[in-house]
C-alpha cells in the first residue's frame, strides 16, 4: 500500500488562526483516487523544525504533499527548508521569473524584489506549473519519498493537485480501485443513540463504520474495499432500517439542495418568513437555487402557534406561492414553526435547552428543522415529529 502523507505549514495553521480546509479537501480527493491519506501533521514557520520534519517523513512516507510556505515573505520557508534537507542550493528558474514579471506588468505594476524568491527551487527539483498564481510548486526525491511542495492559497493549491500532482502519481504508481464510501446523513437522533443499535451488527471483514457529529446532523459512513461492495450494501440496508425516518439524505446532496430539487420536480414555489433564523433559511435555499416567492425576515415578536400557522397561510396567499414556511421568534427556549401546503397547514412548537448550545448552533438546528418539515411533507411523511434532544411541546393541524 502506498503511504501518502500531508504536511501543512504555517504558524497561522498550527495555532488555529485559520481552518485548514486544504487538508480536508486533499483527503477526499486522494480517497476518491484510491490513495487514502495515511497521516497528516502541521508545523510552524521554523526552518529547523521544517527540515527535521521533512527529513523524518521522507524516511517513512512514499509520497508527501507539503502545503504552504511558497509565498514572497520572510516566513515562507518551504523551498529553503527543502534545499537544506536535501543538501543542495536553491536555483533560480529564469523562465518562471520572467512569467512572474509579465504577470505584474500586465496589471500595470512592478514586481517587488521579494517576489523573486518564488522562482527559486532546490537544485534537481522538478518545477510544477501554477497557472493561477505567482508561486511555482516543485517536486523532489528525498530519501525514499517523493515530495510535492504546493502553495497554501486554496485556488492555486487545488489546481496544482489536480493538474500536476495526481497525473504524476497515476503515471508512477499502479493505483488500487478507490475504496467504497457509503454515506448517510441523519437528523433527529443522537450519535450514541444510533451507535447503540448499529454497533452490535456484525461488520464485513475489512469494513469500517464511522460516525461524525456536526451540529445539527449525524453523518454515518461505511468505508471498505470495492471487493466488499455487495456485503457492504447488505449491511447498509440494516443501518437504513435502524435509522428509519431520521435519514434526511444519502450520498453528498445536502438538505437545501434536495429540497430545491424536489420543489422543481413537483413544480412548487415556496415563500419563507423568518424571525429566529434571521434569513439563514432563505440564504440556504437561494444558494441551492430553490424556486422562491417573495419572503421576509421579521423582528422577534410574541406569537401563539395558531398565529404562526395563520401567518404561513396568509404569506402563501399574498405571494401566490404554493407553499409557505415560517420560523417564529424564540422566547425562553420555545420556538414555533409552520408549514402551509395545498393540503393544509401544520405547526409545531419545540423547546431548546438554551444553555446547551450557542446562538449560531441553535439557528442552524432551527433552519434544519424547518427544512425537514418541508422534506417530510414532500415525501408523504408525517410533518411534525420529534428531534432527539429537542422536545416537541405542541402541534397543530389546520
Protein backbone atom coordinates (compact mmCIF):
# COMPACT_ATOMS: atom_id res chain seq x y z
CA UNK A 1 0.00 0.00 0.00
CA UNK A 2 1.32 3.45 -0.96
CA UNK A 3 1.86 5.62 2.12
CA UNK A 4 0.67 9.15 1.32
CA UNK A 5 1.07 11.90 3.91
CA UNK A 6 0.39 15.63 4.09
CA UNK A 7 2.35 18.35 5.85
CA UNK A 8 0.67 21.73 6.38
CA UNK A 9 2.96 24.63 7.18
CA UNK A 10 2.49 28.00 8.82
CA UNK A 11 2.04 29.43 12.30
CA UNK A 12 -1.49 30.54 11.40
CA UNK A 13 -2.48 26.92 10.72
CA UNK A 14 -0.53 25.47 13.64
CA UNK A 15 -2.11 27.87 16.13
CA UNK A 16 -5.66 27.54 14.80
CA UNK A 17 -5.91 31.08 13.46
CA UNK A 18 -7.25 29.69 10.18
CA UNK A 19 -9.09 26.44 9.45
CA UNK A 20 -7.07 24.01 7.36
CA UNK A 21 -9.70 23.33 4.70
CA UNK A 22 -6.95 22.28 2.28
CA UNK A 23 -6.27 19.13 4.31
CA UNK A 24 -9.90 18.01 4.27
CA UNK A 25 -10.16 18.64 0.55
CA UNK A 26 -6.97 16.72 -0.20
CA UNK A 27 -8.02 13.76 1.94
CA UNK A 28 -11.26 13.45 -0.03
CA UNK A 29 -9.53 13.79 -3.42
CA UNK A 30 -6.90 11.20 -2.55
CA UNK A 31 -9.55 8.81 -1.22
CA UNK A 32 -11.55 9.08 -4.44
CA UNK A 33 -8.42 8.28 -6.43
CA UNK A 34 -7.53 5.14 -4.48
CA UNK A 35 -4.83 6.83 -2.37
CA UNK A 36 -6.23 7.21 1.16
CA UNK A 37 -4.17 9.67 3.20
CA UNK A 38 -2.16 7.77 5.82
CA UNK A 39 -1.42 10.68 8.14
CA UNK A 40 -1.02 14.44 8.24
CA UNK A 41 0.64 16.93 10.52
CA UNK A 42 1.28 20.65 10.86
CA UNK A 43 4.49 22.54 11.50
CA UNK A 44 5.01 26.26 12.11
CA UNK A 45 7.27 28.78 10.41
CA UNK A 46 10.53 27.46 11.85
CA UNK A 47 13.27 26.49 9.40
CA UNK A 48 14.92 23.94 11.69
CA UNK A 49 11.61 22.28 12.55
CA UNK A 50 10.67 22.13 8.88
CA UNK A 51 13.97 20.50 7.94
CA UNK A 52 13.60 17.99 10.77
CA UNK A 53 10.05 17.01 9.81
CA UNK A 54 10.86 16.77 6.09
CA UNK A 55 13.82 14.51 6.84
CA UNK A 56 11.85 12.30 9.23
CA UNK A 57 8.82 11.86 6.98
CA UNK A 58 10.99 11.27 3.88
CA UNK A 59 12.24 8.07 5.53
CA UNK A 60 8.71 6.78 6.18
CA UNK A 61 6.29 8.03 3.51
CA UNK A 62 6.21 7.14 -0.18
CA UNK A 63 4.56 10.45 -1.06
CA UNK A 64 4.46 13.65 0.99
CA UNK A 65 2.41 16.68 -0.08
CA UNK A 66 3.63 19.87 1.61
CA UNK A 67 1.16 22.74 1.63
CA UNK A 68 2.11 26.37 2.16
CA UNK A 69 5.28 28.38 2.60
CA UNK A 70 5.91 29.32 -1.06
CA UNK A 71 4.97 32.98 -0.76
CA UNK A 72 7.20 36.07 -1.04
CA UNK A 73 7.57 36.93 2.66
CA UNK A 74 10.27 36.05 5.20
CA UNK A 75 8.09 33.46 6.94
CA UNK A 76 7.63 31.45 3.71
CA UNK A 77 10.34 28.85 4.22
CA UNK A 78 9.35 25.68 2.36
CA UNK A 79 11.78 25.98 -0.57
CA UNK A 80 14.65 26.95 1.73
CA UNK A 81 13.86 24.05 4.10
CA UNK A 82 13.63 21.57 1.22
CA UNK A 83 17.01 22.64 -0.12
CA UNK A 84 18.60 22.42 3.30
CA UNK A 85 17.13 18.96 3.94
CA UNK A 86 18.48 17.73 0.60
CA UNK A 87 21.86 19.45 1.00
CA UNK A 88 21.55 21.38 -2.28
CA UNK A 89 21.36 25.09 -3.18
CA UNK A 90 18.33 26.98 -4.41
CA UNK A 91 18.31 27.64 -8.14
CA UNK A 92 16.50 30.49 -9.88
CA UNK A 93 14.03 29.35 -12.54
CA UNK A 94 14.53 32.10 -15.08
CA UNK A 95 11.52 31.14 -17.19
CA UNK A 96 9.26 31.34 -14.14
CA UNK A 97 10.80 34.63 -13.07
CA UNK A 98 10.02 36.10 -16.49
CA UNK A 99 6.47 34.79 -16.24
CA UNK A 100 6.05 36.47 -12.85
CA UNK A 101 7.39 39.78 -14.12
CA UNK A 102 4.99 39.62 -17.06
CA UNK A 103 2.14 38.82 -14.68
CA UNK A 104 2.73 42.03 -12.73
CA UNK A 105 3.46 44.13 -15.81
CA UNK A 106 0.18 43.02 -17.34
CA UNK A 107 -1.54 44.59 -14.35
CA UNK A 108 0.40 47.80 -14.57
CA UNK A 109 2.60 47.00 -11.57
CA UNK A 110 6.29 46.44 -10.99
CA UNK A 111 7.12 43.16 -9.30
CA UNK A 112 8.60 43.59 -5.82
CA UNK A 113 12.06 42.17 -5.25
CA UNK A 114 10.62 39.94 -2.51
CA UNK A 115 8.69 38.01 -5.16
CA UNK A 116 11.91 36.75 -6.75
CA UNK A 117 12.20 34.00 -4.12
CA UNK A 118 9.01 32.43 -5.51
CA UNK A 119 11.01 31.41 -8.60
CA UNK A 120 13.71 29.61 -6.60
CA UNK A 121 13.53 25.83 -6.08
CA UNK A 122 16.09 23.28 -4.87
CA UNK A 123 18.66 22.12 -7.42
CA UNK A 124 17.47 18.95 -9.14
CA UNK A 125 13.80 19.51 -8.26
CA UNK A 126 11.09 19.42 -10.92
CA UNK A 127 9.08 22.64 -11.23
CA UNK A 128 5.28 22.38 -11.07
CA UNK A 129 3.22 24.89 -13.03
CA UNK A 130 0.84 27.27 -11.26
CA UNK A 131 -1.49 28.76 -13.89
CA UNK A 132 -3.47 30.85 -11.37
CA UNK A 133 -0.78 32.30 -9.10
CA UNK A 134 2.80 33.56 -8.81
CA UNK A 135 4.35 30.73 -6.76
CA UNK A 136 5.54 27.75 -8.75
CA UNK A 137 5.44 24.41 -6.99
CA UNK A 138 8.09 21.73 -7.20
CA UNK A 139 8.66 18.03 -6.69
CA UNK A 140 11.80 16.32 -5.41
CA UNK A 141 13.03 12.98 -4.19
CA UNK A 142 14.35 12.87 -0.64
CA UNK A 143 15.40 9.51 0.76
CA UNK A 144 12.55 7.09 -0.10
CA UNK A 145 9.92 9.81 -0.50
CA UNK A 146 8.59 11.78 -3.47
CA UNK A 147 7.77 15.20 -2.01
CA UNK A 148 5.48 17.77 -3.65
CA UNK A 149 5.54 21.39 -2.50
CA UNK A 150 2.37 23.40 -3.13
CA UNK A 151 1.11 26.95 -2.41
CA UNK A 152 -1.25 27.48 0.50
CA UNK A 153 -3.82 29.59 -1.40
CA UNK A 154 -6.71 27.11 -1.90
CA UNK A 155 -7.48 28.08 -5.50
CA UNK A 156 -3.82 27.63 -6.53
CA UNK A 157 -3.30 24.52 -4.42
CA UNK A 158 -6.32 22.66 -5.81
CA UNK A 159 -5.38 23.33 -9.43
CA UNK A 160 -1.84 22.13 -8.77
CA UNK A 161 -3.01 18.93 -7.08
CA UNK A 162 -5.47 18.13 -9.85
CA UNK A 163 -3.37 19.15 -12.87
CA UNK A 164 0.20 18.47 -11.72
CA UNK A 165 0.34 16.04 -8.82
CA UNK A 166 -2.40 13.48 -9.47
CA UNK A 167 -1.30 12.80 -13.09
CA UNK A 168 2.26 12.18 -11.87
CA UNK A 169 1.11 9.81 -9.13
CA UNK A 170 -1.07 7.86 -11.57
CA UNK A 171 1.82 7.60 -14.03
CA UNK A 172 4.29 6.29 -11.44
CA UNK A 173 2.12 4.03 -9.28
CA UNK A 174 -0.31 1.25 -10.07
CA UNK A 175 -3.21 2.57 -8.04
CA UNK A 176 -5.82 0.28 -6.48
CA UNK A 177 -9.51 0.73 -7.13
CA UNK A 178 -10.87 3.57 -4.97
CA UNK A 179 -12.39 2.36 -1.68
CA UNK A 180 -16.15 2.45 -1.37
CA UNK A 181 -17.69 5.02 0.96
CA UNK A 182 -21.43 4.82 1.67
CA UNK A 183 -22.77 7.94 3.38
CA UNK A 184 -25.99 8.63 5.22
CA UNK A 185 -26.91 11.91 6.92
CA UNK A 186 -29.41 11.82 9.78
CA UNK A 187 -31.28 14.39 11.80
CA UNK A 188 -33.28 13.92 14.96
CA UNK A 189 -31.33 11.23 16.84
CA UNK A 190 -28.12 11.46 18.82
CA UNK A 191 -24.82 9.80 17.95
CA UNK A 192 -24.83 7.48 20.98
CA UNK A 193 -28.46 6.53 20.35
CA UNK A 194 -27.69 5.47 16.79
CA UNK A 195 -24.45 3.72 17.72
CA UNK A 196 -26.13 1.66 20.44
CA UNK A 197 -28.28 -0.03 17.77
CA UNK A 198 -25.75 -0.15 14.92
CA UNK A 199 -22.64 -1.33 16.79
CA UNK A 200 -24.00 -4.85 17.59
CA UNK A 201 -24.36 -5.58 13.86
CA UNK A 202 -21.52 -7.78 12.52
CA UNK A 203 -19.38 -5.79 10.09
CA UNK A 204 -17.95 -7.40 6.95
CA UNK A 205 -14.22 -8.07 7.29
CA UNK A 206 -12.08 -5.07 6.35
CA UNK A 207 -15.02 -2.65 6.55
CA UNK A 208 -15.18 0.27 8.99
CA UNK A 209 -18.28 2.03 10.33
CA UNK A 210 -17.79 5.69 11.22
CA UNK A 211 -19.85 8.43 12.87
CA UNK A 212 -19.41 12.19 12.52
CA UNK A 213 -21.41 14.61 14.63
CA UNK A 214 -21.64 18.07 13.06
CA UNK A 215 -24.39 20.13 14.63
CA UNK A 216 -27.22 19.63 13.79
CA UNK A 217 -26.66 16.37 11.87
CA UNK A 218 -25.04 12.97 12.39
CA UNK A 219 -23.26 11.56 9.35
CA UNK A 220 -22.80 7.81 9.09
CA UNK A 221 -20.05 6.41 6.86
CA UNK A 222 -19.28 2.85 5.83
CA UNK A 223 -15.80 2.52 4.31
CA UNK A 224 -14.37 -0.59 2.73
CA UNK A 225 -12.67 -2.09 -0.35
CA UNK A 226 -14.58 -2.24 -3.61
CA UNK A 227 -14.43 -6.03 -3.46
CA UNK A 228 -16.73 -5.91 -0.41
CA UNK A 229 -19.43 -3.77 -2.03
CA UNK A 230 -22.14 -6.47 -2.03
CA UNK A 231 -21.60 -7.24 1.66
CA UNK A 232 -21.46 -3.53 2.49
CA UNK A 233 -24.79 -2.89 0.77
CA UNK A 234 -26.40 -5.69 2.77
CA UNK A 235 -25.05 -4.19 5.99
CA UNK A 236 -26.16 -0.70 4.89
CA UNK A 237 -29.71 -1.94 4.42
CA UNK A 238 -29.76 -2.92 8.09
CA UNK A 239 -28.48 0.55 9.02
CA UNK A 240 -31.27 2.16 6.97
CA UNK A 241 -33.85 0.13 8.89
CA UNK A 242 -32.39 1.26 12.23
CA UNK A 243 -32.15 4.93 11.29
CA UNK A 244 -35.63 4.94 9.75
CA UNK A 245 -37.23 8.34 9.24
CA UNK A 246 -34.20 10.13 10.69
CA UNK A 247 -32.42 9.75 7.32
CA UNK A 248 -32.56 13.06 5.52
CA UNK A 249 -30.35 12.09 2.56
CA UNK A 250 -27.77 9.63 1.34
CA UNK A 251 -24.65 10.46 -0.63
CA UNK A 252 -23.42 14.05 -0.72
CA UNK A 253 -26.56 16.01 -1.63
CA UNK A 254 -27.21 18.40 1.27
CA UNK A 255 -30.74 19.08 2.50
CA UNK A 256 -31.29 22.52 0.87
CA UNK A 257 -30.22 21.02 -2.48
CA UNK A 258 -32.56 18.08 -2.00
CA UNK A 259 -35.47 20.37 -1.12
CA UNK A 260 -34.72 22.60 -4.11
CA UNK A 261 -34.64 19.60 -6.44
CA UNK A 262 -37.92 18.23 -5.10
CA UNK A 263 -39.65 21.61 -5.37
CA UNK A 264 -38.63 21.83 -9.02
CA UNK A 265 -39.70 18.24 -9.71
CA UNK A 266 -43.13 18.93 -8.24
CA UNK A 267 -43.37 22.41 -9.84
CA UNK A 268 -43.87 24.10 -6.48
CA UNK A 269 -42.89 27.59 -5.36
CA UNK A 270 -42.02 28.39 -1.75
CA UNK A 271 -42.33 31.54 0.35
CA UNK A 272 -40.34 31.83 3.58
CA UNK A 273 -40.80 34.06 6.63
CA UNK A 274 -38.14 34.07 9.33
CA UNK A 275 -37.58 35.55 12.74
CA UNK A 276 -35.18 33.48 14.86
CA UNK A 277 -33.15 32.19 11.88
CA UNK A 278 -32.66 35.77 10.62
CA UNK A 279 -32.54 34.95 6.90
CA UNK A 280 -30.39 31.80 7.21
CA UNK A 281 -33.11 29.58 5.77
CA UNK A 282 -33.67 31.80 2.73
CA UNK A 283 -29.91 32.05 2.15
CA UNK A 284 -29.56 28.26 2.19
CA UNK A 285 -32.45 27.79 -0.23
CA UNK A 286 -31.39 30.63 -2.55
CA UNK A 287 -27.85 29.20 -2.64
CA UNK A 288 -29.39 25.90 -3.78
CA UNK A 289 -31.38 27.73 -6.50
CA UNK A 290 -34.74 26.83 -4.95
CA UNK A 291 -37.86 28.30 -6.62
CA UNK A 292 -38.69 31.01 -4.06
CA UNK A 293 -41.50 33.51 -3.91
CA UNK A 294 -41.20 36.79 -2.01
CA UNK A 295 -40.43 36.25 1.66
CA UNK A 296 -39.41 38.30 4.67
CA UNK A 297 -37.23 38.47 7.76
CA UNK A 298 -39.10 39.96 10.72
CA UNK A 299 -38.03 41.17 14.16
CA UNK A 300 -38.82 38.91 17.10
CA UNK A 301 -42.34 39.21 18.50
CA UNK A 302 -44.60 37.17 20.70
CA UNK A 303 -46.99 34.91 18.75
CA UNK A 304 -49.02 31.81 19.52
CA UNK A 305 -48.68 28.67 17.44
CA UNK A 306 -52.06 29.31 15.84
CA UNK A 307 -50.94 32.82 14.86
CA UNK A 308 -47.75 31.43 13.30
CA UNK A 309 -49.79 28.89 11.32
CA UNK A 310 -52.22 31.59 10.17
CA UNK A 311 -49.31 33.80 9.11
CA UNK A 312 -47.99 30.98 6.90
CA UNK A 313 -51.33 30.66 5.14
CA UNK A 314 -51.53 34.42 4.64
CA UNK A 315 -47.98 34.55 3.27
CA UNK A 316 -48.84 31.93 0.64
CA UNK A 317 -51.94 33.88 -0.41
CA UNK A 318 -50.10 37.22 -0.52
CA UNK A 319 -47.20 35.90 -2.62
CA UNK A 320 -49.07 33.40 -4.78
CA UNK A 321 -46.76 30.66 -3.53
CA UNK A 322 -47.82 27.02 -3.35
CA UNK A 323 -46.03 26.54 -0.03
CA UNK A 324 -45.03 28.75 2.87
CA UNK A 325 -42.54 28.01 5.64
CA UNK A 326 -42.44 30.12 8.80
CA UNK A 327 -39.89 30.22 11.63
CA UNK A 328 -41.11 32.24 14.58
CA UNK A 329 -39.19 34.05 17.30
CA UNK A 330 -37.65 32.26 20.27
CA UNK A 331 -38.94 33.04 23.76
CA UNK A 332 -37.39 31.34 26.77
CA UNK A 333 -36.19 28.50 24.58
CA UNK A 334 -39.59 28.00 22.90
CA UNK A 335 -39.66 28.19 19.09
CA UNK A 336 -42.59 27.69 16.70
CA UNK A 337 -42.62 26.55 13.05
CA UNK A 338 -45.39 26.44 10.46
CA UNK A 339 -45.74 24.87 7.03
CA UNK A 340 -48.59 25.79 4.69
CA UNK A 341 -49.35 23.43 1.78
CA UNK A 342 -52.23 22.91 -0.66
CA UNK A 343 -53.30 20.06 1.62
CA UNK A 344 -53.47 22.17 4.75
CA UNK A 345 -51.21 23.74 7.35
CA UNK A 346 -49.09 22.24 10.11
CA UNK A 347 -47.44 23.87 13.07
CA UNK A 348 -45.22 22.68 15.87
CA UNK A 349 -43.61 24.22 18.93
CA UNK A 350 -40.33 22.91 20.31
CA UNK A 351 -38.24 23.66 23.36
CA UNK A 352 -34.48 24.20 23.18
CA UNK A 353 -32.04 24.00 26.05
CA UNK A 354 -30.54 27.47 25.56
CA UNK A 355 -27.64 26.67 27.88
CA UNK A 356 -26.54 23.67 25.82
CA UNK A 357 -25.61 25.37 22.55
CA UNK A 358 -24.73 28.85 21.32
CA UNK A 359 -26.93 31.06 19.15
CA UNK A 360 -25.38 30.02 15.82
CA UNK A 361 -25.82 26.31 16.60
CA UNK A 362 -29.46 26.85 17.58
CA UNK A 363 -30.11 28.82 14.39
CA UNK A 364 -28.55 26.03 12.32
CA UNK A 365 -30.77 23.47 14.06
CA UNK A 366 -33.87 25.62 13.59
CA UNK A 367 -33.21 26.01 9.86
CA UNK A 368 -32.71 22.25 9.55
CA UNK A 369 -35.95 21.56 11.44
CA UNK A 370 -37.90 23.87 9.13
CA UNK A 371 -36.44 22.25 6.01
CA UNK A 372 -37.09 18.83 7.47
CA UNK A 373 -40.80 19.64 7.91
CA UNK A 374 -40.95 20.53 4.22
CA UNK A 375 -38.93 17.47 3.20
CA UNK A 376 -41.20 15.16 5.15
CA UNK A 377 -44.33 16.64 3.59
CA UNK A 378 -42.91 16.30 0.06
CA UNK A 379 -42.02 12.67 0.82
CA UNK A 380 -45.52 11.88 2.09
CA UNK A 381 -44.42 11.50 5.72
CA UNK A 382 -45.83 12.88 8.96
CA UNK A 383 -44.83 16.55 9.01
CA UNK A 384 -44.40 17.15 12.73
CA UNK A 385 -42.02 14.85 14.57
CA UNK A 386 -39.59 14.68 17.47
CA UNK A 387 -35.99 15.77 17.15
CA UNK A 388 -33.95 13.79 19.66
CA UNK A 389 -32.77 16.15 22.38
CA UNK A 390 -35.24 18.88 21.29
CA UNK A 391 -38.67 18.34 22.84
CA UNK A 392 -41.83 18.90 20.81
CA UNK A 393 -44.23 20.65 23.18
CA UNK A 394 -47.12 21.41 20.83
CA UNK A 395 -48.53 20.61 17.39
CA UNK A 396 -51.38 21.99 15.30
CA UNK A 397 -53.08 20.92 12.05
CA UNK A 398 -55.30 23.40 10.26
